[in-house]
Amino acid sequence: MPEQLQQAYEKALRAPLLLMLVVEDQRGDAEIGLLERVVSAGCAVQNMLLMATALGFGSALTSGKALKSTSLRGLFRLNTHEYAICFLSLGTVQRAKPARVRPESDQYVTYLSTESE
């Protein structure tokens, strides 16, 4: 376990700016549900990633089980109705990571045919 803590510590300090995206489930406006809040937050993060790239900075989004841990929730004083979604790191790229193998889009996309089969 100490090795995992060391890796998490190093990852958190890798970029000069580390943000955590939190979505709140209970707000005064009950018309905007949790799923809509999560989607809107995801759009905001995507815009931040694109903005960083456009300005010549590097950016990364990280998530995982740690976001649900009691210790992390306590560290950031999250209430029971607040959800940590991801971390967003922004900074200058020191070295590029090798590209990962990505799945083919056909594994996730289906087409609705208007022709009779």
PDB file of N, CA and C in Angstrom:
ATOM      1  N   MET A   1       0.804  -1.215   0.000  1.00  0.00           N
ATOM      2  CA  MET A   1       0.000   0.000   0.000  1.00  0.00           C
ATOM      3  C   MET A   1       0.843   1.274   0.000  1.00  0.00           C
ATOM      4  N   PRO A   2       1.970   1.346   0.701  1.00  0.00           N
ATOM      5  CA  PRO A   2       2.772   2.576   0.661  1.00  0.00           C
ATOM      6  C   PRO A   2       3.224   2.938  -0.759  1.00  0.00           C
ATOM      7  N   GLU A   3       3.472   1.951  -1.609  1.00  0.00           N
ATOM      8  CA  GLU A   3       3.882   2.229  -2.987  1.00  0.00           C
ATOM      9  C   GLU A   3       2.751   2.911  -3.761  1.00  0.00           C
ATOM     10  N   GLN A   4       1.514   2.471  -3.538  1.00  0.00           N
ATOM     11  CA  GLN A   4       0.365   3.091  -4.200  1.00  0.00           C
ATOM     12  C   GLN A   4       0.185   4.538  -3.738  1.00  0.00           C
ATOM     13  N   LEU A   5       0.396   4.777  -2.445  1.00  0.00           N
ATOM     14  CA  LEU A   5       0.294   6.148  -1.927  1.00  0.00           C
ATOM     15  C   LEU A   5       1.361   7.040  -2.534  1.00  0.00           C
ATOM     16  N   GLN A   6       2.568   6.520  -2.683  1.00  0.00           N
ATOM     17  CA  GLN A   6       3.667   7.283  -3.286  1.00  0.00           C
ATOM     18  C   GLN A   6       3.340   7.623  -4.740  1.00  0.00           C
ATOM     19  N   GLN A   7       2.804   6.654  -5.482  1.00  0.00           N
ATOM     20  CA  GLN A   7       2.429   6.895  -6.877  1.00  0.00           C
ATOM     21  C   GLN A   7       1.328   7.952  -6.971  1.00  0.00           C
ATOM     22  N   ALA A   8       0.343   7.871  -6.089  1.00  0.00           N
ATOM     23  CA  ALA A   8      -0.751   8.853  -6.087  1.00  0.00           C
ATOM     24  C   ALA A   8      -0.212  10.246  -5.764  1.00  0.00           C
ATOM     25  N   TYR A   9       0.710  10.325  -4.816  1.00  0.00           N
ATOM     26  CA  TYR A   9       1.311  11.601  -4.434  1.00  0.00           C
ATOM     27  C   TYR A   9       2.057  12.207  -5.621  1.00  0.00           C
ATOM     28  N   GLU A  10       2.864  11.391  -6.299  1.00  0.00           N
ATOM     29  CA  GLU A  10       3.625  11.878  -7.449  1.00  0.00           C
ATOM     30  C   GLU A  10       2.705  12.311  -8.584  1.00  0.00           C
ATOM     31  N   LYS A  11       1.642  11.553  -8.810  1.00  0.00           N
ATOM     32  CA  LYS A  11       0.698  11.888  -9.873  1.00  0.00           C
ATOM     33  C   LYS A  11       0.002  13.222  -9.573  1.00  0.00           C
ATOM     34  N   ALA A  12      -0.349  13.444  -8.315  1.00  0.00           N
ATOM     35  CA  ALA A  12      -1.040  14.681  -7.933  1.00  0.00           C
ATOM     36  C   ALA A  12      -0.153  15.900  -8.117  1.00  0.00           C
ATOM     37  N   LEU A  13       1.155  15.734  -7.969  1.00  0.00           N
ATOM     38  CA  LEU A  13       2.074  16.871  -8.064  1.00  0.00           C
ATOM     39  C   LEU A  13       2.737  16.996  -9.430  1.00  0.00           C
ATOM     40  N   ARG A  14       2.346  16.165 -10.363  1.00  0.00           N
ATOM     41  CA  ARG A  14       2.977  16.154 -11.687  1.00  0.00           C
ATOM     42  C   ARG A  14       2.727  17.448 -12.450  1.00  0.00           C
ATOM     43  N   ALA A  15       1.544  17.978 -12.392  1.00  0.00           N
ATOM     44  CA  ALA A  15       1.206  19.208 -13.126  1.00  0.00           C
ATOM     45  C   ALA A  15       1.121  20.381 -12.146  1.00  0.00           C
ATOM     46  N   PRO A  16       1.412  21.591 -12.613  1.00  0.00           N
ATOM     47  CA  PRO A  16       1.330  22.746 -11.711  1.00  0.00           C
ATOM     48  C   PRO A  16      -0.099  23.110 -11.303  1.00  0.00           C
ATOM     49  N   LEU A  17      -1.098  22.653 -12.068  1.00  0.00           N
ATOM     50  CA  LEU A  17      -2.484  22.933 -11.724  1.00  0.00           C
ATOM     51  C   LEU A  17      -3.273  21.631 -11.721  1.00  0.00           C
ATOM     52  N   LEU A  18      -3.875  21.331 -10.592  1.00  0.00           N
ATOM     53  CA  LEU A  18      -4.692  20.128 -10.448  1.00  0.00           C
ATOM     54  C   LEU A  18      -6.076  20.553  -9.967  1.00  0.00           C
ATOM     55  N   LEU A  19      -7.085  20.237 -10.739  1.00  0.00           N
ATOM     56  CA  LEU A  19      -8.466  20.573 -10.400  1.00  0.00           C
ATOM     57  C   LEU A  19      -9.237  19.288 -10.158  1.00  0.00           C
ATOM     58  N   MET A  20     -10.226  19.344  -9.284  1.00  0.00           N
ATOM     59  CA  MET A  20     -11.104  18.205  -9.089  1.00  0.00           C
ATOM     60  C   MET A  20     -12.513  18.636  -9.461  1.00  0.00           C
ATOM     61  N   LEU A  21     -13.145  17.850 -10.322  1.00  0.00           N
ATOM     62  CA  LEU A  21     -14.509  18.124 -10.736  1.00  0.00           C
ATOM     63  C   LEU A  21     -15.466  17.473  -9.742  1.00  0.00           C
ATOM     64  N   VAL A  22     -16.339  18.288  -9.166  1.00  0.00           N
ATOM     65  CA  VAL A  22     -17.329  17.806  -8.202  1.00  0.00           C
ATOM     66  C   VAL A  22     -18.707  18.189  -8.714  1.00  0.00           C
ATOM     67  N   VAL A  23     -19.610  17.224  -8.695  1.00  0.00           N
ATOM     68  CA  VAL A  23     -20.993  17.476  -9.086  1.00  0.00           C
ATOM     69  C   VAL A  23     -21.861  17.306  -7.856  1.00  0.00           C
ATOM     70  N   GLU A  24     -22.718  18.287  -7.644  1.00  0.00           N
ATOM     71  CA  GLU A  24     -23.613  18.275  -6.488  1.00  0.00           C
ATOM     72  C   GLU A  24     -24.978  17.728  -6.906  1.00  0.00           C
ATOM     73  N   ASP A  25     -25.515  16.826  -6.103  1.00  0.00           N
ATOM     74  CA  ASP A  25     -26.797  16.191  -6.423  1.00  0.00           C
ATOM     75  C   ASP A  25     -27.989  17.007  -5.943  1.00  0.00           C
ATOM     76  N   GLN A  26     -27.859  17.736  -4.872  1.00  0.00           N
ATOM     77  CA  GLN A  26     -28.991  18.469  -4.300  1.00  0.00           C
ATOM     78  C   GLN A  26     -28.752  19.961  -4.425  1.00  0.00           C
ATOM     79  N   ARG A  27     -29.584  20.602  -5.213  1.00  0.00           N
ATOM     80  CA  ARG A  27     -29.489  22.052  -5.366  1.00  0.00           C
ATOM     81  C   ARG A  27     -30.889  22.628  -5.287  1.00  0.00           C
ATOM     82  N   GLY A  28     -30.978  23.918  -5.266  1.00  0.00           N
ATOM     83  CA  GLY A  28     -32.275  24.567  -5.179  1.00  0.00           C
ATOM     84  C   GLY A  28     -33.158  24.316  -6.386  1.00  0.00           C
ATOM     85  N   ASP A  29     -32.545  24.159  -7.557  1.00  0.00           N
ATOM     86  CA  ASP A  29     -33.307  23.949  -8.790  1.00  0.00           C
ATOM     87  C   ASP A  29     -33.460  22.452  -9.043  1.00  0.00           C
ATOM     88  N   ALA A  30     -34.596  21.894  -8.625  1.00  0.00           N
ATOM     89  CA  ALA A  30     -34.817  20.450  -8.744  1.00  0.00           C
ATOM     90  C   ALA A  30     -35.097  20.023 -10.183  1.00  0.00           C
ATOM     91  N   GLU A  31     -35.297  20.961 -11.099  1.00  0.00           N
ATOM     92  CA  GLU A  31     -35.582  20.620 -12.493  1.00  0.00           C
ATOM     93  C   GLU A  31     -34.343  20.088 -13.213  1.00  0.00           C
ATOM     94  N   ILE A  32     -33.173  20.376 -12.707  1.00  0.00           N
ATOM     95  CA  ILE A  32     -31.939  19.911 -13.338  1.00  0.00           C
ATOM     96  C   ILE A  32     -31.447  18.697 -12.554  1.00  0.00           C
ATOM     97  N   GLY A  33     -31.631  17.524 -13.132  1.00  0.00           N
ATOM     98  CA  GLY A  33     -31.297  16.278 -12.463  1.00  0.00           C
ATOM     99  C   GLY A  33     -29.811  15.984 -12.445  1.00  0.00           C
ATOM    100  N   LEU A  34     -29.440  14.953 -11.692  1.00  0.00           N
ATOM    101  CA  LEU A  34     -28.029  14.583 -11.529  1.00  0.00           C
ATOM    102  C   LEU A  34     -27.386  14.228 -12.863  1.00  0.00           C
ATOM    103  N   LEU A  35     -28.053  13.459 -13.696  1.00  0.00           N
ATOM    104  CA  LEU A  35     -27.449  13.066 -14.970  1.00  0.00           C
ATOM    105  C   LEU A  35     -27.161  14.275 -15.851  1.00  0.00           C
ATOM    106  N   GLU A  36     -28.070  15.238 -15.867  1.00  0.00           N
ATOM    107  CA  GLU A  36     -27.836  16.447 -16.657  1.00  0.00           C
ATOM    108  C   GLU A  36     -26.665  17.242 -16.087  1.00  0.00           C
ATOM    109  N   ARG A  37     -26.548  17.268 -14.775  1.00  0.00           N
ATOM    110  CA  ARG A  37     -25.412  17.957 -14.141  1.00  0.00           C
ATOM    111  C   ARG A  37     -24.094  17.289 -14.523  1.00  0.00           C
ATOM    112  N   VAL A  38     -24.074  15.943 -14.533  1.00  0.00           N
ATOM    113  CA  VAL A  38     -22.847  15.210 -14.866  1.00  0.00           C
ATOM    114  C   VAL A  38     -22.465  15.452 -16.326  1.00  0.00           C
ATOM    115  N   VAL A  39     -23.442  15.398 -17.220  1.00  0.00           N
ATOM    116  CA  VAL A  39     -23.169  15.648 -18.637  1.00  0.00           C
ATOM    117  C   VAL A  39     -22.656  17.071 -18.836  1.00  0.00           C
ATOM    118  N   SER A  40     -23.280  18.034 -18.201  1.00  0.00           N
ATOM    119  CA  SER A  40     -22.840  19.430 -18.317  1.00  0.00           C
ATOM    120  C   SER A  40     -21.422  19.603 -17.777  1.00  0.00           C
ATOM    121  N   ALA A  41     -21.124  18.937 -16.680  1.00  0.00           N
ATOM    122  CA  ALA A  41     -19.774  19.013 -16.113  1.00  0.00           C
ATOM    123  C   ALA A  41     -18.764  18.385 -17.077  1.00  0.00           C
ATOM    124  N   GLY A  42     -19.135  17.279 -17.704  1.00  0.00           N
ATOM    125  CA  GLY A  42     -18.258  16.647 -18.687  1.00  0.00           C
ATOM    126  C   GLY A  42     -17.977  17.564 -19.867  1.00  0.00           C
ATOM    127  N   CYS A  43     -18.993  18.279 -20.309  1.00  0.00           N
ATOM    128  CA  CYS A  43     -18.806  19.245 -21.398  1.00  0.00           C
ATOM    129  C   CYS A  43     -17.844  20.353 -20.974  1.00  0.00           C
ATOM    130  N   ALA A  44     -17.981  20.816 -19.752  1.00  0.00           N
ATOM    131  CA  ALA A  44     -17.086  21.869 -19.248  1.00  0.00           C
ATOM    132  C   ALA A  44     -15.642  21.373 -19.209  1.00  0.00           C
ATOM    133  N   VAL A  45     -15.443  20.138 -18.764  1.00  0.00           N
ATOM    134  CA  VAL A  45     -14.091  19.572 -18.714  1.00  0.00           C
ATOM    135  C   VAL A  45     -13.525  19.447 -20.124  1.00  0.00           C
ATOM    136  N   GLN A  46     -14.329  18.965 -21.067  1.00  0.00           N
ATOM    137  CA  GLN A  46     -13.856  18.846 -22.447  1.00  0.00           C
ATOM    138  C   GLN A  46     -13.432  20.205 -22.991  1.00  0.00           C
ATOM    139  N   ASN A  47     -14.208  21.240 -22.699  1.00  0.00           N
ATOM    140  CA  ASN A  47     -13.836  22.589 -23.141  1.00  0.00           C
ATOM    141  C   ASN A  47     -12.526  23.037 -22.513  1.00  0.00           C
ATOM    142  N   MET A  48     -12.294  22.690 -21.255  1.00  0.00           N
ATOM    143  CA  MET A  48     -11.042  23.055 -20.596  1.00  0.00           C
ATOM    144  C   MET A  48      -9.863  22.318 -21.222  1.00  0.00           C
ATOM    145  N   LEU A  49     -10.049  21.033 -21.564  1.00  0.00           N
ATOM    146  CA  LEU A  49      -8.991  20.264 -22.223  1.00  0.00           C
ATOM    147  C   LEU A  49      -8.658  20.872 -23.590  1.00  0.00           C
ATOM    148  N   LEU A  50      -9.687  21.230 -24.350  1.00  0.00           N
ATOM    149  CA  LEU A  50      -9.477  21.849 -25.664  1.00  0.00           C
ATOM    150  C   LEU A  50      -8.809  23.214 -25.534  1.00  0.00           C
ATOM    151  N   MET A  51      -9.219  23.989 -24.536  1.00  0.00           N
ATOM    152  CA  MET A  51      -8.626  25.306 -24.310  1.00  0.00           C
ATOM    153  C   MET A  51      -7.141  25.189 -23.981  1.00  0.00           C
ATOM    154  N   ALA A  52      -6.807  24.237 -23.128  1.00  0.00           N
ATOM    155  CA  ALA A  52      -5.403  24.046 -22.758  1.00  0.00           C
ATOM    156  C   ALA A  52      -4.570  23.703 -23.990  1.00  0.00           C
ATOM    157  N   THR A  53      -5.073  22.798 -24.820  1.00  0.00           N
ATOM    158  CA  THR A  53      -4.360  22.419 -26.038  1.00  0.00           C
ATOM    159  C   THR A  53      -4.209  23.616 -26.967  1.00  0.00           C
ATOM    160  N   ALA A  54      -5.270  24.390 -27.137  1.00  0.00           N
ATOM    161  CA  ALA A  54      -5.227  25.566 -28.016  1.00  0.00           C
ATOM    162  C   ALA A  54      -4.203  26.587 -27.536  1.00  0.00           C
ATOM    163  N   LEU A  55      -3.996  26.658 -26.222  1.00  0.00           N
ATOM    164  CA  LEU A  55      -3.023  27.603 -25.660  1.00  0.00           C
ATOM    165  C   LEU A  55      -1.616  27.020 -25.585  1.00  0.00           C
ATOM    166  N   GLY A  56      -1.454  25.774 -26.043  1.00  0.00           N
ATOM    167  CA  GLY A  56      -0.130  25.154 -26.062  1.00  0.00           C
ATOM    168  C   GLY A  56       0.242  24.411 -24.794  1.00  0.00           C
ATOM    169  N   PHE A  57      -0.720  24.161 -23.916  1.00  0.00           N
ATOM    170  CA  PHE A  57      -0.455  23.427 -22.688  1.00  0.00           C
ATOM    171  C   PHE A  57      -0.865  21.971 -22.845  1.00  0.00           C
ATOM    172  N   GLY A  58      -0.378  21.164 -21.955  1.00  0.00           N
ATOM    173  CA  GLY A  58      -0.806  19.779 -21.887  1.00  0.00           C
ATOM    174  C   GLY A  58      -1.917  19.668 -20.864  1.00  0.00           C
ATOM    175  N   SER A  59      -2.725  18.647 -21.016  1.00  0.00           N
ATOM    176  CA  SER A  59      -3.803  18.425 -20.070  1.00  0.00           C
ATOM    177  C   SER A  59      -4.090  16.941 -19.981  1.00  0.00           C
ATOM    178  N   ALA A  60      -4.630  16.549 -18.859  1.00  0.00           N
ATOM    179  CA  ALA A  60      -4.969  15.141 -18.662  1.00  0.00           C
ATOM    180  C   ALA A  60      -6.141  15.045 -17.714  1.00  0.00           C
ATOM    181  N   LEU A  61      -6.961  14.051 -17.947  1.00  0.00           N
ATOM    182  CA  LEU A  61      -8.101  13.756 -17.094  1.00  0.00           C
ATOM    183  C   LEU A  61      -7.826  12.402 -16.452  1.00  0.00           C
ATOM    184  N   THR A  62      -7.963  12.327 -15.143  1.00  0.00           N
ATOM    185  CA  THR A  62      -7.775  11.056 -14.446  1.00  0.00           C
ATOM    186  C   THR A  62      -8.962  10.808 -13.527  1.00  0.00           C
ATOM    187  N   SER A  63      -9.254   9.533 -13.367  1.00  0.00           N
ATOM    188  CA  SER A  63     -10.335   9.132 -12.471  1.00  0.00           C
ATOM    189  C   SER A  63      -9.944   7.794 -11.854  1.00  0.00           C
ATOM    190  N   GLY A  64     -10.849   7.195 -11.149  1.00  0.00           N
ATOM    191  CA  GLY A  64     -10.574   5.895 -10.554  1.00  0.00           C
ATOM    192  C   GLY A  64     -11.267   5.735  -9.219  1.00  0.00           C
ATOM    193  N   LYS A  65     -10.991   4.601  -8.594  1.00  0.00           N
ATOM    194  CA  LYS A  65     -11.640   4.257  -7.323  1.00  0.00           C
ATOM    195  C   LYS A  65     -11.303   5.236  -6.204  1.00  0.00           C
ATOM    196  N   ALA A  66     -10.141   5.852  -6.279  1.00  0.00           N
ATOM    197  CA  ALA A  66      -9.725   6.773  -5.212  1.00  0.00           C
ATOM    198  C   ALA A  66     -10.700   7.928  -5.027  1.00  0.00           C
ATOM    199  N   LEU A  67     -11.396   8.306  -6.090  1.00  0.00           N
ATOM    200  CA  LEU A  67     -12.345   9.418  -5.996  1.00  0.00           C
ATOM    201  C   LEU A  67     -13.511   9.109  -5.070  1.00  0.00           C
ATOM    202  N   LYS A  68     -13.755   7.826  -4.806  1.00  0.00           N
ATOM    203  CA  LYS A  68     -14.844   7.431  -3.921  1.00  0.00           C
ATOM    204  C   LYS A  68     -14.359   7.093  -2.511  1.00  0.00           C
ATOM    205  N   SER A  69     -13.053   7.188  -2.297  1.00  0.00           N
ATOM    206  CA  SER A  69     -12.511   6.791  -1.002  1.00  0.00           C
ATOM    207  C   SER A  69     -12.910   7.762   0.106  1.00  0.00           C
ATOM    208  N   THR A  70     -13.075   7.229   1.281  1.00  0.00           N
ATOM    209  CA  THR A  70     -13.450   8.036   2.447  1.00  0.00           C
ATOM    210  C   THR A  70     -12.385   9.076   2.760  1.00  0.00           C
ATOM    211  N   SER A  71     -11.113   8.693   2.623  1.00  0.00           N
ATOM    212  CA  SER A  71     -10.042   9.631   2.952  1.00  0.00           C
ATOM    213  C   SER A  71     -10.005  10.812   1.975  1.00  0.00           C
ATOM    214  N   LEU A  72     -10.208  10.569   0.690  1.00  0.00           N
ATOM    215  CA  LEU A  72     -10.212  11.662  -0.282  1.00  0.00           C
ATOM    216  C   LEU A  72     -11.424  12.561  -0.061  1.00  0.00           C
ATOM    217  N   ARG A  73     -12.575  11.943   0.172  1.00  0.00           N
ATOM    218  CA  ARG A  73     -13.791  12.731   0.420  1.00  0.00           C
ATOM    219  C   ARG A  73     -13.607  13.609   1.660  1.00  0.00           C
ATOM    220  N   GLY A  74     -12.948  13.046   2.685  1.00  0.00           N
ATOM    221  CA  GLY A  74     -12.691  13.822   3.891  1.00  0.00           C
ATOM    222  C   GLY A  74     -11.695  14.941   3.661  1.00  0.00           C
ATOM    223  N   LEU A  75     -10.647  14.662   2.887  1.00  0.00           N
ATOM    224  CA  LEU A  75      -9.628  15.663   2.588  1.00  0.00           C
ATOM    225  C   LEU A  75     -10.227  16.892   1.908  1.00  0.00           C
ATOM    226  N   PHE A  76     -11.161  16.655   0.983  1.00  0.00           N
ATOM    227  CA  PHE A  76     -11.790  17.751   0.249  1.00  0.00           C
ATOM    228  C   PHE A  76     -13.115  18.204   0.865  1.00  0.00           C
ATOM    229  N   ARG A  77     -13.435  17.650   2.020  1.00  0.00           N
ATOM    230  CA  ARG A  77     -14.651  18.007   2.763  1.00  0.00           C
ATOM    231  C   ARG A  77     -15.910  17.907   1.911  1.00  0.00           C
ATOM    232  N   LEU A  78     -16.027  16.793   1.179  1.00  0.00           N
ATOM    233  CA  LEU A  78     -17.202  16.590   0.345  1.00  0.00           C
ATOM    234  C   LEU A  78     -18.366  16.110   1.192  1.00  0.00           C
ATOM    235  N   ASN A  79     -19.537  16.664   0.948  1.00  0.00           N
ATOM    236  CA  ASN A  79     -20.748  16.225   1.630  1.00  0.00           C
ATOM    237  C   ASN A  79     -21.279  14.961   0.964  1.00  0.00           C
ATOM    238  N   THR A  80     -22.252  14.321   1.578  1.00  0.00           N
ATOM    239  CA  THR A  80     -22.794  13.078   1.038  1.00  0.00           C
ATOM    240  C   THR A  80     -23.463  13.274  -0.319  1.00  0.00           C
ATOM    241  N   HIS A  81     -23.913  14.471  -0.633  1.00  0.00           N
ATOM    242  CA  HIS A  81     -24.583  14.737  -1.906  1.00  0.00           C
ATOM    243  C   HIS A  81     -23.644  15.328  -2.957  1.00  0.00           C
ATOM    244  N   GLU A  82     -22.336  15.276  -2.702  1.00  0.00           N
ATOM    245  CA  GLU A  82     -21.348  15.763  -3.658  1.00  0.00           C
ATOM    246  C   GLU A  82     -20.535  14.579  -4.177  1.00  0.00           C
ATOM    247  N   TYR A  83     -20.308  14.550  -5.493  1.00  0.00           N
ATOM    248  CA  TYR A  83     -19.614  13.444  -6.131  1.00  0.00           C
ATOM    249  C   TYR A  83     -18.350  13.944  -6.818  1.00  0.00           C
ATOM    250  N   ALA A  84     -17.205  13.387  -6.452  1.00  0.00           N
ATOM    251  CA  ALA A  84     -15.949  13.680  -7.141  1.00  0.00           C
ATOM    252  C   ALA A  84     -15.942  12.863  -8.423  1.00  0.00           C
ATOM    253  N   ILE A  85     -15.882  13.518  -9.565  1.00  0.00           N
ATOM    254  CA  ILE A  85     -15.990  12.856 -10.858  1.00  0.00           C
ATOM    255  C   ILE A  85     -14.615  12.530 -11.437  1.00  0.00           C
ATOM    256  N   CYS A  86     -13.705  13.506 -11.428  1.00  0.00           N
ATOM    257  CA  CYS A  86     -12.379  13.286 -12.001  1.00  0.00           C
ATOM    258  C   CYS A  86     -11.436  14.397 -11.558  1.00  0.00           C
ATOM    259  N   PHE A  87     -10.171  14.180 -11.853  1.00  0.00           N
ATOM    260  CA  PHE A  87      -9.152  15.215 -11.689  1.00  0.00           C
ATOM    261  C   PHE A  87      -8.756  15.698 -13.073  1.00  0.00           C
ATOM    262  N   LEU A  88      -8.420  16.969 -13.167  1.00  0.00           N
ATOM    263  CA  LEU A  88      -7.963  17.566 -14.406  1.00  0.00           C
ATOM    264  C   LEU A  88      -6.617  18.222 -14.123  1.00  0.00           C
ATOM    265  N   SER A  89      -5.588  17.778 -14.830  1.00  0.00           N
ATOM    266  CA  SER A  89      -4.232  18.312 -14.670  1.00  0.00           C
ATOM    267  C   SER A  89      -3.910  19.194 -15.864  1.00  0.00           C
ATOM    268  N   LEU A  90      -3.343  20.371 -15.597  1.00  0.00           N
ATOM    269  CA  LEU A  90      -2.960  21.300 -16.650  1.00  0.00           C
ATOM    270  C   LEU A  90      -1.538  21.773 -16.419  1.00  0.00           C
ATOM    271  N   GLY A  91      -0.761  21.850 -17.498  1.00  0.00           N
ATOM    272  CA  GLY A  91       0.607  22.327 -17.374  1.00  0.00           C
ATOM    273  C   GLY A  91       1.360  22.191 -18.685  1.00  0.00           C
ATOM    274  N   THR A  92       2.665  22.354 -18.619  1.00  0.00           N
ATOM    275  CA  THR A  92       3.531  22.224 -19.784  1.00  0.00           C
ATOM    276  C   THR A  92       4.008  20.779 -19.873  1.00  0.00           C
ATOM    277  N   VAL A  93       3.928  20.212 -21.061  1.00  0.00           N
ATOM    278  CA  VAL A  93       4.330  18.821 -21.266  1.00  0.00           C
ATOM    279  C   VAL A  93       5.852  18.720 -21.193  1.00  0.00           C
ATOM    280  N   GLN A  94       6.340  17.841 -20.328  1.00  0.00           N
ATOM    281  CA  GLN A  94       7.778  17.604 -20.205  1.00  0.00           C
ATOM    282  C   GLN A  94       8.241  16.479 -21.132  1.00  0.00           C
ATOM    283  N   ARG A  95       7.399  15.440 -21.240  1.00  0.00           N
ATOM    284  CA  ARG A  95       7.686  14.340 -22.160  1.00  0.00           C
ATOM    285  C   ARG A  95       6.355  13.711 -22.563  1.00  0.00           C
ATOM    286  N   ALA A  96       6.277  13.350 -23.816  1.00  0.00           N
ATOM    287  CA  ALA A  96       5.038  12.775 -24.341  1.00  0.00           C
ATOM    288  C   ALA A  96       4.933  11.303 -23.973  1.00  0.00           C
ATOM    289  N   LYS A  97       3.739  10.891 -23.635  1.00  0.00           N
ATOM    290  CA  LYS A  97       3.489   9.485 -23.359  1.00  0.00           C
ATOM    291  C   LYS A  97       3.230   8.769 -24.677  1.00  0.00           C
ATOM    292  N   PRO A  98       3.590   7.495 -24.748  1.00  0.00           N
ATOM    293  CA  PRO A  98       3.277   6.756 -25.980  1.00  0.00           C
ATOM    294  C   PRO A  98       1.767   6.613 -26.141  1.00  0.00           C
ATOM    295  N   ALA A  99       1.315   6.629 -27.383  1.00  0.00           N
ATOM    296  CA  ALA A  99      -0.115   6.511 -27.664  1.00  0.00           C
ATOM    297  C   ALA A  99      -0.611   5.126 -27.268  1.00  0.00           C
ATOM    298  N   ARG A 100      -1.818   5.095 -26.680  1.00  0.00           N
ATOM    299  CA  ARG A 100      -2.432   3.828 -26.301  1.00  0.00           C
ATOM    300  C   ARG A 100      -3.214   3.256 -27.478  1.00  0.00           C
ATOM    301  N   VAL A 101      -3.345   1.952 -27.479  1.00  0.00           N
ATOM    302  CA  VAL A 101      -4.177   1.306 -28.485  1.00  0.00           C
ATOM    303  C   VAL A 101      -5.629   1.605 -28.136  1.00  0.00           C
ATOM    304  N   ARG A 102      -6.350   2.134 -29.084  1.00  0.00           N
ATOM    305  CA  ARG A 102      -7.747   2.498 -28.872  1.00  0.00           C
ATOM    306  C   ARG A 102      -8.651   1.477 -29.558  1.00  0.00           C
ATOM    307  N   PRO A 103      -9.814   1.220 -28.983  1.00  0.00           N
ATOM    308  CA  PRO A 103     -10.732   0.274 -29.633  1.00  0.00           C
ATOM    309  C   PRO A 103     -11.309   0.859 -30.918  1.00  0.00           C
ATOM    310  N   GLU A 104     -11.718  -0.004 -31.799  1.00  0.00           N
ATOM    311  CA  GLU A 104     -12.360   0.429 -33.036  1.00  0.00           C
ATOM    312  C   GLU A 104     -13.745   0.985 -32.709  1.00  0.00           C
ATOM    313  N   SER A 105     -14.135   2.037 -33.397  1.00  0.00           N
ATOM    314  CA  SER A 105     -15.433   2.652 -33.119  1.00  0.00           C
ATOM    315  C   SER A 105     -16.589   1.705 -33.432  1.00  0.00           C
ATOM    316  N   ASP A 106     -16.397   0.781 -34.361  1.00  0.00           N
ATOM    317  CA  ASP A 106     -17.465  -0.170 -34.703  1.00  0.00           C
ATOM    318  C   ASP A 106     -17.870  -1.033 -33.515  1.00  0.00           C
ATOM    319  N   GLN A 107     -17.017  -1.138 -32.511  1.00  0.00           N
ATOM    320  CA  GLN A 107     -17.360  -1.909 -31.308  1.00  0.00           C
ATOM    321  C   GLN A 107     -18.437  -1.199 -30.485  1.00  0.00           C
ATOM    322  N   TYR A 108     -18.619   0.088 -30.699  1.00  0.00           N
ATOM    323  CA  TYR A 108     -19.529   0.878 -29.872  1.00  0.00           C
ATOM    324  C   TYR A 108     -20.634   1.578 -30.649  1.00  0.00           C
ATOM    325  N   VAL A 109     -20.542   1.573 -31.965  1.00  0.00           N
ATOM    326  CA  VAL A 109     -21.490   2.321 -32.785  1.00  0.00           C
ATOM    327  C   VAL A 109     -22.375   1.349 -33.562  1.00  0.00           C
ATOM    328  N   THR A 110     -23.651   1.628 -33.559  1.00  0.00           N
ATOM    329  CA  THR A 110     -24.575   0.877 -34.402  1.00  0.00           C
ATOM    330  C   THR A 110     -25.297   1.863 -35.302  1.00  0.00           C
ATOM    331  N   TYR A 111     -25.774   1.372 -36.423  1.00  0.00           N
ATOM    332  CA  TYR A 111     -26.447   2.201 -37.394  1.00  0.00           C
ATOM    333  C   TYR A 111     -27.866   1.729 -37.582  1.00  0.00           C
ATOM    334  N   LEU A 112     -28.779   2.640 -37.673  1.00  0.00           N
ATOM    335  CA  LEU A 112     -30.175   2.342 -37.926  1.00  0.00           C
ATOM    336  C   LEU A 112     -30.386   2.450 -39.420  1.00  0.00           C
ATOM    337  N   SER A 113     -30.726   1.372 -40.029  1.00  0.00           N
ATOM    338  CA  SER A 113     -30.918   1.342 -41.472  1.00  0.00           C
ATOM    339  C   SER A 113     -32.366   1.671 -41.800  1.00  0.00           C
ATOM    340  N   THR A 114     -32.555   2.495 -42.824  1.00  0.00           N
ATOM    341  CA  THR A 114     -33.905   2.818 -43.266  1.00  0.00           C
ATOM    342  C   THR A 114     -34.370   1.871 -44.355  1.00  0.00           C
ATOM    343  N   GLU A 115     -33.469   1.034 -44.838  1.00  0.00           N
ATOM    344  CA  GLU A 115     -33.807   0.070 -45.885  1.00  0.00           C
ATOM    345  C   GLU A 115     -34.349  -1.217 -45.257  1.00  0.00           C
ATOM    346  N   SER A 116     -35.236  -1.877 -45.970  1.00  0.00           N
ATOM    347  CA  SER A 116     -35.742  -3.170 -45.508  1.00  0.00           C
ATOM    348  C   SER A 116     -34.667  -4.212 -45.675  1.00  0.00           C
ATOM    349  N   GLU A 117     -34.562  -5.054 -44.696  1.00  0.00           N
ATOM    350  CA  GLU A 117     -33.547  -6.103 -44.805  1.00  0.00           C
ATOM    351  C   GLU A 117     -34.176  -7.450 -44.952  1.00  0.00           C
TER     352      GLU A 117
END
